[in-house]
Protein backbone atom coordinates (compact mmCIF):
# COMPACT_ATOMS: atom_id res chain seq x y z
CA UNK A 1 20.89 16.09 21.94
CA UNK A 2 17.87 14.14 20.72
CA UNK A 3 18.26 12.25 17.47
CA UNK A 4 14.93 12.79 15.69
CA UNK A 5 15.60 9.91 13.30
CA UNK A 6 15.92 7.29 16.09
CA UNK A 7 12.80 7.06 18.27
CA UNK A 8 13.38 7.35 22.03
CA UNK A 9 9.89 7.89 23.38
CA UNK A 10 10.70 8.21 27.09
CA UNK A 11 13.51 10.73 26.62
CA UNK A 12 11.54 12.75 24.05
CA UNK A 13 8.45 12.87 26.29
CA UNK A 14 10.48 14.00 29.32
CA UNK A 15 12.29 16.63 27.23
CA UNK A 16 9.04 18.00 25.81
CA UNK A 17 7.53 18.07 29.30
CA UNK A 18 10.49 20.17 30.44
CA UNK A 19 10.39 22.74 27.60
CA UNK A 20 6.64 22.82 26.86
CA UNK A 21 4.41 21.23 29.54
CA UNK A 22 1.25 22.39 27.78
CA UNK A 23 2.08 20.58 24.55
CA UNK A 24 3.27 17.51 26.47
CA UNK A 25 -0.20 17.12 27.99
CA UNK A 26 -1.85 17.09 24.54
CA UNK A 27 0.34 14.44 22.87
CA UNK A 28 0.53 10.73 23.65
CA UNK A 29 3.91 9.46 24.84
CA UNK A 30 4.05 6.85 22.07
CA UNK A 31 3.22 9.32 19.26
CA UNK A 32 6.73 9.74 17.91
CA UNK A 33 5.67 11.84 14.91
CA UNK A 34 4.06 14.49 17.10
CA UNK A 35 6.78 14.37 19.79
CA UNK A 36 9.59 14.80 17.29
CA UNK A 37 7.74 17.59 15.46
CA UNK A 38 7.13 19.62 18.64
CA UNK A 39 10.77 19.26 19.66
CA UNK A 40 11.96 20.14 16.17
CA UNK A 41 9.95 23.39 16.32
CA UNK A 42 11.55 24.25 19.65
CA UNK A 43 15.11 23.45 18.52
CA UNK A 44 14.86 25.38 15.23
CA UNK A 45 12.77 28.39 16.25
CA UNK A 46 13.65 28.77 19.92
CA UNK A 47 9.94 28.94 20.85
CA UNK A 48 7.47 26.25 21.79
CA UNK A 49 4.24 25.15 20.14
CA UNK A 50 2.30 26.72 23.01
CA UNK A 51 4.03 30.05 22.35
CA UNK A 52 3.01 29.89 18.68
CA UNK A 53 -0.57 29.19 19.71
CA UNK A 54 -0.69 32.17 22.10
CA UNK A 55 0.72 34.49 19.46
CA UNK A 56 -1.61 33.16 16.78
CA UNK A 57 1.35 32.37 14.52
CA UNK A 58 2.40 36.03 14.12
CA UNK A 59 5.39 37.33 16.13
CA UNK A 60 4.41 40.32 18.21
CA UNK A 61 0.82 40.22 17.03
CA UNK A 62 -2.34 41.06 18.92
CA UNK A 63 -3.64 37.83 20.44
CA UNK A 64 -7.21 39.17 20.61
CA UNK A 65 -7.61 38.72 16.82
CA UNK A 66 -6.62 35.05 16.92
CA UNK A 67 -4.30 35.49 13.89
CA UNK A 68 -1.82 38.00 15.22
CA UNK A 69 -1.32 41.08 13.07
CA UNK A 70 -2.65 39.36 9.94
CA UNK A 71 -6.23 39.11 8.72
CA UNK A 72 -6.39 35.53 7.48
CA UNK A 73 -9.41 34.40 5.45
CA UNK A 74 -9.33 30.56 5.59
CA UNK A 75 -11.59 29.09 2.89
CA UNK A 76 -12.28 25.40 2.24
CA UNK A 77 -13.28 24.56 -1.35
CA UNK A 78 -15.55 21.53 -1.54
CA UNK A 79 -16.99 19.61 -4.49
CA UNK A 80 -19.74 16.95 -4.60
CA UNK A 81 -18.61 13.55 -3.37
CA UNK A 82 -18.90 11.86 -6.77
CA UNK A 83 -16.90 14.61 -8.47
CA UNK A 84 -14.22 14.40 -5.76
CA UNK A 85 -13.88 10.66 -6.22
CA UNK A 86 -13.74 11.05 -9.99
CA UNK A 87 -10.85 13.49 -9.61
CA UNK A 88 -9.13 11.09 -7.20
CA UNK A 89 -9.44 8.28 -9.77
CA UNK A 90 -7.84 10.47 -12.43
CA UNK A 91 -5.11 11.49 -10.01
CA UNK A 92 -4.36 7.85 -9.20
CA UNK A 93 -4.19 7.11 -12.92
CA UNK A 94 -1.63 9.89 -13.42
CA UNK A 95 0.40 8.62 -10.45
CA UNK A 96 0.52 5.12 -11.95
CA UNK A 97 1.71 6.28 -15.36
CA UNK A 98 5.28 5.78 -16.60
CA UNK A 99 7.95 7.39 -14.37
CA UNK A 100 5.40 7.71 -11.59
CA UNK A 101 5.02 6.29 -8.11
CA UNK A 102 5.91 2.70 -9.10
CA UNK A 103 9.34 3.72 -10.40
CA UNK A 104 9.90 5.99 -7.41
CA UNK A 105 9.12 3.30 -4.82
CA UNK A 106 11.25 0.77 -6.71
CA UNK A 107 14.18 3.22 -6.54
CA UNK A 108 13.60 3.74 -2.82
CA UNK A 109 13.49 -0.02 -2.20
CA UNK A 110 16.64 -0.72 -4.18
CA UNK A 111 18.55 1.96 -2.23
CA UNK A 112 17.04 1.06 1.16
CA UNK A 113 15.45 4.50 1.52
CA UNK A 114 11.98 3.33 2.59
CA UNK A 115 12.46 1.17 5.72
CA UNK A 116 9.45 -0.16 7.60
CA UNK A 117 9.92 2.15 10.59
CA UNK A 118 9.60 5.38 8.60
CA UNK A 119 6.29 7.17 8.10
CA UNK A 120 6.71 7.25 4.32
CA UNK A 121 6.44 3.45 4.21
CA UNK A 122 2.92 3.74 5.69
CA UNK A 123 1.76 6.74 3.67
CA UNK A 124 -1.01 6.53 1.08
CA UNK A 125 0.25 5.25 -2.26
CA UNK A 126 3.73 4.31 -1.05
CA UNK A 127 2.52 1.53 1.25
CA UNK A 128 0.41 -0.15 -1.44
CA UNK A 129 3.16 0.17 -4.08
CA UNK A 130 5.80 -1.19 -1.75
CA UNK A 131 3.65 -4.22 -0.90
CA UNK A 132 2.93 -5.13 -4.53
CA UNK A 133 6.58 -4.75 -5.61
CA UNK A 134 7.81 -6.97 -2.78
CA UNK A 135 5.05 -9.46 -3.51
CA UNK A 136 6.10 -9.74 -7.17
CA UNK A 137 9.77 -9.84 -6.13
CA UNK A 138 9.09 -12.89 -3.94
CA UNK A 139 7.25 -14.58 -6.80
CA UNK A 140 3.67 -14.60 -8.01
CA UNK A 141 2.07 -17.34 -10.07
CA UNK A 142 1.16 -16.31 -13.62
CA UNK A 143 -2.54 -16.84 -12.97
CA UNK A 144 -2.44 -14.57 -9.92
CA UNK A 145 -0.56 -11.64 -11.40
CA UNK A 146 -3.52 -9.85 -12.94
CA UNK A 147 -5.72 -10.16 -9.79
CA UNK A 148 -2.79 -8.90 -7.70
CA UNK A 149 -2.40 -5.81 -9.91
CA UNK A 150 -6.15 -5.15 -9.87
CA UNK A 151 -6.15 -5.42 -6.08
CA UNK A 152 -3.20 -3.01 -5.92
CA UNK A 153 -5.01 -0.37 -7.99
CA UNK A 154 -8.20 -0.92 -5.96
CA UNK A 155 -6.31 -0.29 -2.73
CA UNK A 156 -4.64 2.78 -4.22
CA UNK A 157 -8.00 4.29 -5.18
CA UNK A 158 -9.68 3.30 -1.91
CA UNK A 159 -6.88 4.66 0.28
CA UNK A 160 -6.92 8.04 -1.50
CA UNK A 161 -10.70 8.27 -1.24
CA UNK A 162 -10.51 7.42 2.45
CA UNK A 163 -7.85 10.09 2.97
CA UNK A 164 -10.06 12.70 1.29
CA UNK A 165 -13.03 11.66 3.41
CA UNK A 166 -10.97 11.94 6.60
CA UNK A 167 -9.77 15.40 5.54
CA UNK A 168 -13.38 16.51 5.09
CA UNK A 169 -14.22 15.29 8.59
CA UNK A 170 -11.14 17.01 10.04
CA UNK A 171 -11.80 20.37 8.39
CA UNK A 172 -15.42 20.19 9.46
CA UNK A 173 -14.21 20.61 13.05
CA UNK A 174 -12.30 23.80 12.19
CA UNK A 175 -14.62 26.72 13.09
CA UNK A 176 -12.58 29.42 11.29
CA UNK A 177 -12.88 27.89 7.81
CA UNK A 178 -15.62 29.06 5.45
CA UNK A 179 -16.86 26.31 3.14
CA UNK A 180 -17.50 27.28 -0.50
CA UNK A 181 -19.07 25.12 -3.20
CA UNK A 182 -17.08 24.64 -6.43
CA UNK A 183 -19.87 23.38 -8.72
CA UNK A 184 -20.38 26.68 -10.54
CA UNK A 185 -17.01 28.10 -11.63
CA UNK A 186 -18.33 31.59 -12.37
CA UNK A 187 -20.20 31.81 -9.07
CA UNK A 188 -17.10 30.50 -7.30
CA UNK A 189 -14.95 33.37 -8.61
CA UNK A 190 -17.51 35.95 -7.53
CA UNK A 191 -17.86 34.37 -4.09
CA UNK A 192 -14.11 34.31 -3.49
CA UNK A 193 -13.71 37.95 -4.54
CA UNK A 194 -16.54 39.00 -2.24
CA UNK A 195 -15.14 37.03 0.70
CA UNK A 196 -11.72 38.64 0.35
CA UNK A 197 -13.07 42.16 -0.12
CA UNK A 198 -15.70 42.14 2.62
CA UNK A 199 -15.06 43.08 6.23
CA UNK A 200 -14.02 40.59 8.86
CA UNK A 201 -17.48 40.68 10.45
CA UNK A 202 -19.18 39.91 7.13
CA UNK A 203 -16.71 37.07 6.50
CA UNK A 204 -17.51 35.48 9.87
CA UNK A 205 -21.24 35.97 9.30
CA UNK A 206 -21.07 34.16 5.95
CA UNK A 207 -19.18 31.28 7.56
CA UNK A 208 -21.93 30.90 10.17
CA UNK A 209 -24.76 31.23 7.65
CA UNK A 210 -27.25 28.46 6.99
CA UNK A 211 -25.95 28.04 3.44
CA UNK A 212 -22.41 27.32 4.63
CA UNK A 213 -23.62 24.96 7.36
CA UNK A 214 -25.77 22.98 4.92
CA UNK A 215 -22.80 22.71 2.55
CA UNK A 216 -20.75 21.12 5.35
CA UNK A 217 -23.39 18.50 6.02
CA UNK A 218 -24.05 17.81 2.34
CA UNK A 219 -20.36 17.35 1.53
CA UNK A 220 -20.10 14.41 3.94
CA UNK A 221 -23.20 12.70 2.57
CA UNK A 222 -23.14 10.35 -0.44
CA UNK A 223 -25.47 10.85 -3.34
CA UNK A 224 -26.61 8.03 -5.64
CA UNK A 225 -23.69 8.39 -8.02
CA UNK A 226 -21.15 8.36 -5.21
CA UNK A 227 -22.76 5.24 -3.74
CA UNK A 228 -22.33 3.45 -7.07
CA UNK A 229 -18.65 4.41 -7.05
CA UNK A 230 -18.01 2.63 -3.76
CA UNK A 231 -16.82 -0.50 -5.61
CA UNK A 232 -13.74 0.60 -7.57
CA UNK A 233 -13.47 -2.62 -9.64
CA UNK A 234 -16.97 -2.20 -11.00
CA UNK A 235 -17.22 1.55 -11.50
CA UNK A 236 -13.71 3.02 -11.76
CA UNK A 237 -12.62 3.90 -15.28
CA UNK A 238 -9.03 3.44 -14.14
CA UNK A 239 -9.43 -0.30 -13.55
CA UNK A 240 -11.76 -0.92 -16.50
CA UNK A 241 -9.04 0.21 -18.94
CA UNK A 242 -7.37 -3.12 -19.79
CA UNK A 243 -4.57 -1.49 -21.81
CA UNK A 244 -3.63 0.74 -18.89
CA UNK A 245 -3.72 -2.21 -16.46
CA UNK A 246 -1.55 -4.26 -18.81
CA UNK A 247 1.04 -1.46 -18.86
CA UNK A 248 0.99 -1.21 -15.06
CA UNK A 249 1.44 -4.97 -14.69
CA UNK A 250 4.37 -5.05 -17.10
CA UNK A 251 6.19 -2.27 -15.31
CA UNK A 252 5.57 -3.85 -11.91
CA UNK A 253 7.02 -7.16 -13.12
CA UNK A 254 10.12 -5.50 -14.60
CA UNK A 255 10.78 -3.29 -11.59
CA UNK A 256 10.10 -6.11 -9.10
CA UNK A 257 12.78 -8.17 -10.85
CA UNK A 258 15.27 -5.35 -10.26
CA UNK A 259 14.23 -5.11 -6.61
CA UNK A 260 14.63 -8.88 -6.20
CA UNK A 261 18.18 -8.84 -7.59
CA UNK A 262 19.18 -5.73 -5.62
CA UNK A 263 17.85 -6.99 -2.30
CA UNK A 264 18.76 -10.67 -2.93
CA UNK A 265 15.19 -11.84 -2.35
CA UNK A 266 14.73 -15.60 -2.63
CA UNK A 267 11.63 -16.45 -4.72
CA UNK A 268 8.85 -18.23 -2.85
CA UNK A 269 8.46 -21.70 -4.33
CA UNK A 270 5.01 -22.10 -2.78
CA UNK A 271 3.63 -19.74 -5.43
CA UNK A 272 4.20 -22.29 -8.24
CA UNK A 273 1.15 -24.20 -9.56
CA UNK A 274 2.67 -27.61 -8.79
CA UNK A 275 3.43 -26.65 -5.20
CA UNK A 276 -0.07 -25.27 -4.67
CA UNK A 277 -1.59 -28.44 -6.16
CA UNK A 278 0.32 -30.62 -3.69
CA UNK A 279 -0.74 -28.37 -0.81
CA UNK A 280 -4.36 -28.60 -1.94
CA UNK A 281 -4.22 -32.39 -2.14
CA UNK A 282 -2.59 -32.71 1.29
CA UNK A 283 -5.19 -30.43 2.88
CA UNK A 284 -8.06 -32.23 1.14
CA UNK A 285 -7.15 -35.87 1.68
CA UNK A 286 -4.86 -36.00 4.73
CA UNK A 287 -6.31 -35.80 8.25
CA UNK A 288 -5.66 -32.86 10.55
CA UNK A 289 -2.60 -32.79 12.82
CA UNK A 290 -4.40 -33.74 15.98
CA UNK A 291 -5.80 -36.91 14.36
CA UNK A 292 -2.73 -38.01 12.39
CA UNK A 293 -1.42 -40.26 15.17
CA UNK A 294 -4.73 -42.12 15.46
CA UNK A 295 -4.93 -42.33 11.66
CA UNK A 296 -1.47 -43.96 11.45
CA UNK A 297 -2.40 -46.47 14.16
CA UNK A 298 -5.66 -47.39 12.47
CA UNK A 299 -3.85 -47.76 9.12
CA UNK A 300 -1.35 -50.22 10.64
CA UNK A 301 -4.10 -52.24 12.23
CA UNK A 302 -5.99 -52.51 8.96
CA UNK A 303 -2.86 -53.57 7.08
CA UNK A 304 -2.12 -56.18 9.71
């Protein structure tokens, strides 16, 4: 039996090729997330991913409809780029509040529940928080703490914006989704009601209309306001709030101290000002490694 928690790429690929050759051709042999997910579906449901695709996700349904016996109306709600980024900034702010993602990742680190090999350690938000907690646990000079926290929040905002942008690009390739603008709330309600009450032919016609196609293209383009928001440090209200940043820094320092004691992390002495000053002087005044031997010889000759 395959252990889905311990990657074994060769065995998983051969097993998937035996139970579902069609899915095995679509997934790379080193994509453990996709391999394990396809095998998990087979073990738990008794049917393969290819079987689900042929049935359209509905057991016993009519495959000619594409959705089995159900009439699905997939709708993608899209807002202007600047408004989306503004909502992402507010969402990041709520995640960074007390008893948020910082406390959660600190708990996971202290209990060894977020190892490097797991996908959660590379997910948006968790990866940045884990890095900053371990950085503070190893030791950060007092003058570098505030820039480190600002960089952490910048990366949090940027990673979430990038994820949203990638989702827009991914859903743009889905032909069954109808894109609807969310600028006007009243018009949005009327549009959704009409889309769910109309016939299937009218729904497909609206999805292929010029209005829907232009909305797809416009959603991936940046307007002037969104372009100004590209630099989080300059334009994000989250980072400009010094009281909020001070609270985030204080909680990171306190939680990093607990992580350091729990994991027995030895502080890095190179982060102290005195150590950095000595390193700076040695790099500035001493010759490079390849010329040190000649430098010593010339020094002896001069002294002689």
